[in-house]
Structures are given as C-alpha cells and as structure tokens.
Amino acid sequence: MKIDVIIFGSTGMVGEGVLHECLLNPDVDKVLVINRRPCNVSNPKLTELIQNDFFELTTLENLLVGYNACFYCLGSTSLKMKESEYYNITYNLTLSIAQRFSRLSPGMIFCYISGAGADNPEKAKFMQTRVKGKIESDLMKLVFKKVYCFRPGLLKPTRGLKNAHKIYYIFTPFYPIFRIILPNFVLTLQELGIAMINSVTKGYEKQILEVRDIVKLSKL
C-alpha cells in the first residue's frame, strides 16, 4: 500500500526524524510538510509549504486534500509558560488543525505525538500531561478513519539529523542500558517514525500507543 502523508513539525527533532523515515520508506509515495521556516531537506517525494500562522490554513485548503494521513509532530515545552499560553499553542492549535482535516478529509488517519504520562484531564497533576490528555480525548471525538496517539518516552536521536538537542546525544552511549532497565520508557526516533507509517499501512489494535506498543508496531 502506497501512502501520501502530511507532516507538521518537521523542523523539530521528532518531526525531522519522522520525515526522515518517510523519505526512506518505500511505502510512502509523497510527503507534504507545512512549516513556519524551511526544513532544508531536498527529496523528489517532498513538497514544502511555508505558513506563518497555522491557525489560518484556509488559503491552503485545496492543497491539503487527497492525503492518507497527517503526522502531527508539533510540540512546545511547558517550562516557564503559563497554562493559558501553553493551552493555546498546544491544545487549541492541535484541535484547530485536526478539525480542519476532519472536515476536508474524514477518510484520513490522524497521528498525534502526545507524551508519556498524558492522562485524564480531570485527574492529571501536571499541566503538560493534563493538556495532552485532553487533546487525546478530544481528537478521538473527531471524524477520521482512525486516530492514533503516540506517547514516546526518552528518544534516541537518529544519527546525522540536525534538530536533536545536544543533551540527547549525551545519553547515546547509555541507551542500550536504558533499554534493559527502562523498557517501557526508551525507544529510538527511527522506531517512532516507522511505527507511525505502519499505523497507516498496517493498522494497530490500540489507539493510544505507549512505548512498548510503538516498538512493537515498528517491527510489523
């Protein structure tokens, strides 16, 4: 099965890794990335659109139809941010984009990069897990062929890519140990990217994917 995908967030670490896997994977025929700044990647499969305001995609709508999946990899740190601000750029933006795609392409699959510990917004103690838990819950209510929420933990970056924070490379020698002692928290960015592609081409029995699910799906 050949698929065409849209990626948001390809100038960040996770999105760049997911884009990298899409460009390598023979099952992915075409990739559209929507960014605020160029991702500086050149590939025959790739088309890039630059858009400053992701809340306003109306003028691009005719370019957004006909895709099998959206890989939503946008994310912001909650450090030094008020909950109202974090909520707007995380919850409101995600739902705004997802609702647009639900209207334009209800037959597509929407894959959202959530986070470890995302929880019921009524019970979660931390702002980030509370907001991401609400996003997961509300995405499931939209009309799509399927919604998958991926909860990666500690990611091993893909060698050669440029958007991983240096701190991730500090941990690189220790990943084999972490995989043994923290199997439910550690995975590679390659596994995450492949799992997202496989969720579209092969499907998965769960819609909320923890680390073990992501690793398992990447091996299908």
Protein backbone atom coordinates (compact mmCIF):
# COMPACT_ATOMS: atom_id res chain seq x y z
CA MET A 1 0.00 0.00 0.00
CA LYS A 2 1.43 3.35 -1.09
CA ILE A 3 0.52 6.35 1.05
CA ASP A 4 0.75 10.14 0.88
CA VAL A 5 1.30 11.96 4.18
CA ILE A 6 1.27 15.48 5.60
CA ILE A 7 3.70 16.33 8.39
CA PHE A 8 3.55 19.25 10.81
CA GLY A 9 6.66 19.96 12.85
CA SER A 10 9.43 18.72 10.58
CA THR A 11 11.80 21.45 11.80
CA GLY A 12 11.78 19.94 15.29
CA MET A 13 13.58 16.83 16.49
CA VAL A 14 10.63 14.43 16.35
CA GLY A 15 9.17 15.77 13.13
CA GLU A 16 12.55 15.73 11.42
CA GLY A 17 13.02 12.10 12.42
CA VAL A 18 9.56 11.15 11.20
CA LEU A 19 10.16 12.96 7.89
CA HIS A 20 13.48 11.13 7.53
CA GLU A 21 11.76 7.75 7.87
CA CYS A 22 9.00 8.74 5.45
CA LEU A 23 11.53 9.70 2.79
CA LEU A 24 13.34 6.38 3.25
CA ASN A 25 10.24 4.18 3.34
CA PRO A 26 9.10 2.70 0.00
CA ASP A 27 5.50 2.62 1.24
CA VAL A 28 5.44 6.43 1.38
CA ASP A 29 4.91 7.88 -2.06
CA LYS A 30 4.52 11.59 -1.33
CA VAL A 31 5.20 13.88 1.64
CA LEU A 32 3.89 17.39 2.24
CA VAL A 33 5.45 19.36 5.10
CA ILE A 34 3.93 22.55 6.45
CA ASN A 35 6.41 24.72 8.34
CA ARG A 36 6.99 28.25 9.54
CA ARG A 37 10.58 28.09 8.29
CA PRO A 38 12.26 25.89 5.66
CA CYS A 39 13.31 22.40 6.74
CA ASN A 40 16.21 22.49 4.24
CA VAL A 41 15.59 18.98 3.00
CA SER A 42 15.53 18.13 -0.68
CA ASN A 43 13.91 14.95 -1.97
CA PRO A 44 11.76 14.04 -5.01
CA LYS A 45 8.99 12.86 -2.66
CA LEU A 46 8.91 16.11 -0.72
CA THR A 47 6.83 19.27 -1.10
CA GLU A 48 7.11 22.07 1.45
CA LEU A 49 4.67 24.87 2.24
CA ILE A 50 5.73 27.82 4.40
CA GLN A 51 2.93 29.23 6.53
CA ASN A 52 3.46 31.63 9.43
CA ASP A 53 0.06 31.17 11.05
CA PHE A 54 -1.05 27.56 11.48
CA PHE A 55 -4.40 28.71 12.82
CA GLU A 56 -5.17 30.12 9.39
CA LEU A 57 -4.79 27.48 6.67
CA THR A 58 -7.85 28.44 4.64
CA THR A 59 -5.86 29.63 1.64
CA LEU A 60 -4.04 26.27 1.55
CA GLU A 61 -7.07 24.02 1.81
CA ASN A 62 -7.09 22.98 -1.85
CA LEU A 63 -3.51 21.71 -1.37
CA LEU A 64 -4.34 19.64 1.72
CA VAL A 65 -6.78 17.13 0.27
CA GLY A 66 -6.03 13.69 -1.12
CA TYR A 67 -3.64 12.54 1.62
CA ASN A 68 -3.90 9.29 3.57
CA ALA A 69 -2.53 10.60 6.85
CA CYS A 70 -1.44 13.59 8.89
CA PHE A 71 1.56 13.11 11.21
CA TYR A 72 1.22 15.88 13.77
CA CYS A 73 4.62 16.36 15.41
CA LEU A 74 4.36 19.94 16.61
CA GLY A 75 5.17 20.47 20.26
CA SER A 76 6.31 23.08 22.76
CA THR A 77 7.93 22.84 26.15
CA SER A 78 5.76 23.87 29.07
CA LEU A 79 8.72 25.26 31.01
CA LYS A 80 8.37 28.92 32.03
CA MET A 81 4.96 29.07 30.34
CA LYS A 82 1.60 29.90 31.88
CA GLU A 83 -1.05 27.24 31.43
CA SER A 84 -3.25 29.56 29.34
CA GLU A 85 -0.40 30.18 26.91
CA TYR A 86 0.61 26.54 26.75
CA TYR A 87 -3.04 25.53 26.29
CA ASN A 88 -3.43 27.89 23.33
CA ILE A 89 -0.36 26.79 21.39
CA THR A 90 -0.80 23.13 22.28
CA TYR A 91 -4.47 22.26 22.67
CA ASN A 92 -6.12 25.00 20.60
CA LEU A 93 -3.67 24.73 17.69
CA THR A 94 -3.78 20.94 17.56
CA LEU A 95 -7.57 20.82 17.59
CA SER A 96 -7.83 23.65 15.07
CA ILE A 97 -5.69 21.74 12.57
CA ALA A 98 -7.31 18.38 13.32
CA GLN A 99 -10.82 19.79 12.93
CA ARG A 100 -9.86 21.27 9.57
CA PHE A 101 -8.56 17.92 8.32
CA SER A 102 -11.60 16.11 9.72
CA ARG A 103 -13.77 18.38 7.58
CA LEU A 104 -11.57 18.21 4.47
CA SER A 105 -10.52 14.54 4.60
CA PRO A 106 -12.56 12.47 7.07
CA GLY A 107 -11.14 9.30 5.50
CA MET A 108 -7.56 10.08 6.54
CA ILE A 109 -5.66 8.79 9.59
CA PHE A 110 -4.53 11.39 12.12
CA CYS A 111 -1.40 10.53 14.14
CA TYR A 112 -0.64 12.75 17.10
CA ILE A 113 2.65 12.87 19.04
CA SER A 114 1.46 13.09 22.62
CA GLY A 115 3.71 12.40 25.60
CA ALA A 116 4.49 9.89 28.30
CA GLY A 117 2.12 10.31 31.21
CA ALA A 118 -0.70 12.00 29.30
CA ASP A 119 -3.72 11.44 31.48
CA ASN A 120 -7.35 12.17 32.16
CA PRO A 121 -7.54 15.99 32.28
CA GLU A 122 -9.72 15.74 35.37
CA LYS A 123 -7.10 13.72 37.28
CA ALA A 124 -3.69 14.72 35.91
CA LYS A 125 -1.49 16.62 38.34
CA PHE A 126 0.83 18.28 35.83
CA MET A 127 -0.09 20.91 33.27
CA GLN A 128 1.55 19.18 30.31
CA THR A 129 0.01 15.76 30.97
CA ARG A 130 -3.37 17.35 31.66
CA VAL A 131 -3.42 19.31 28.40
CA LYS A 132 -2.14 16.40 26.30
CA GLY A 133 -4.67 14.09 27.92
CA LYS A 134 -7.45 16.46 26.89
CA ILE A 135 -6.08 16.64 23.34
CA GLU A 136 -6.08 12.84 23.10
CA SER A 137 -9.64 12.65 24.38
CA ASP A 138 -10.97 15.31 22.02
CA LEU A 139 -9.13 14.00 18.96
CA MET A 140 -10.94 10.70 19.43
CA LYS A 141 -14.27 12.50 19.03
CA LEU A 142 -13.44 13.81 15.54
CA VAL A 143 -14.45 12.09 12.32
CA PHE A 144 -11.39 10.33 10.92
CA LYS A 145 -10.75 6.86 9.57
CA LYS A 146 -8.61 6.42 12.68
CA VAL A 147 -6.80 8.49 15.30
CA TYR A 148 -3.59 7.24 16.89
CA CYS A 149 -1.92 8.98 19.82
CA PHE A 150 1.75 8.12 20.29
CA ARG A 151 3.29 8.52 23.77
CA PRO A 152 7.08 8.31 23.29
CA GLY A 153 9.41 8.46 26.28
CA LEU A 154 13.16 9.01 26.08
CA LEU A 155 14.09 9.04 22.40
CA LYS A 156 17.43 8.06 20.94
CA PRO A 157 18.00 10.54 18.08
CA THR A 158 18.74 9.41 14.54
CA ARG A 159 22.38 9.91 13.68
CA GLY A 160 23.03 12.62 11.12
CA LEU A 161 19.92 14.67 11.75
CA LYS A 162 20.37 18.25 12.91
CA ASN A 163 17.45 19.18 15.16
CA ALA A 164 18.11 16.95 18.17
CA HIS A 165 19.15 18.81 21.31
CA LYS A 166 22.73 18.05 22.33
CA ILE A 167 21.57 16.56 25.62
CA TYR A 168 20.07 13.60 23.73
CA TYR A 169 23.47 12.73 22.31
CA ILE A 170 24.98 12.80 25.80
CA PHE A 171 22.72 9.87 26.67
CA THR A 172 23.50 7.94 23.46
CA PRO A 173 26.15 5.58 24.97
CA PHE A 174 23.70 4.63 27.71
CA TYR A 175 20.68 3.76 25.56
CA PRO A 176 21.42 0.01 25.46
CA ILE A 177 21.40 0.01 29.26
CA PHE A 178 18.29 2.15 29.43
CA ARG A 179 16.51 -0.27 27.06
CA ILE A 180 17.14 -3.05 29.53
CA ILE A 181 16.27 -1.27 32.76
CA LEU A 182 13.57 1.07 31.37
CA PRO A 183 11.92 -0.89 28.51
CA ASN A 184 8.65 1.00 28.93
CA PHE A 185 10.28 4.41 28.58
CA VAL A 186 13.07 4.22 25.99
CA LEU A 187 12.89 3.91 22.21
CA THR A 188 14.56 5.25 19.11
CA LEU A 189 13.33 8.03 16.88
CA GLN A 190 13.61 5.58 14.00
CA GLU A 191 11.18 3.20 15.73
CA LEU A 192 8.73 6.05 16.29
CA GLY A 193 8.82 7.14 12.64
CA ILE A 194 8.41 3.61 11.30
CA ALA A 195 5.58 2.91 13.75
CA MET A 196 3.68 5.97 12.55
CA ILE A 197 3.99 4.83 8.94
CA ASN A 198 2.94 1.29 9.90
CA SER A 199 -0.11 2.60 11.74
CA VAL A 200 -1.37 3.82 8.37
CA THR A 201 -0.28 0.92 6.17
CA LYS A 202 -0.94 -1.95 8.61
CA GLY A 203 -3.09 -0.60 11.45
CA TYR A 204 -2.88 -1.34 15.16
CA GLU A 205 -5.35 -2.63 17.73
CA LYS A 206 -4.83 0.27 20.16
CA GLN A 207 -5.35 3.96 19.53
CA ILE A 208 -3.23 5.10 22.49
CA LEU A 209 0.28 3.75 21.97
CA GLU A 210 2.73 3.58 24.85
CA VAL A 211 6.44 2.89 24.27
CA ARG A 212 6.04 -0.90 24.12
CA ASP A 213 3.24 -0.52 21.55
CA ILE A 214 5.32 1.85 19.43
CA VAL A 215 8.28 -0.54 19.40
CA LYS A 216 6.00 -3.48 18.59
CA LEU A 217 4.29 -1.60 15.75
CA SER A 218 7.64 -0.58 14.28
CA LYS A 219 8.52 -4.27 13.88
CA LEU A 220 5.34 -5.28 11.97
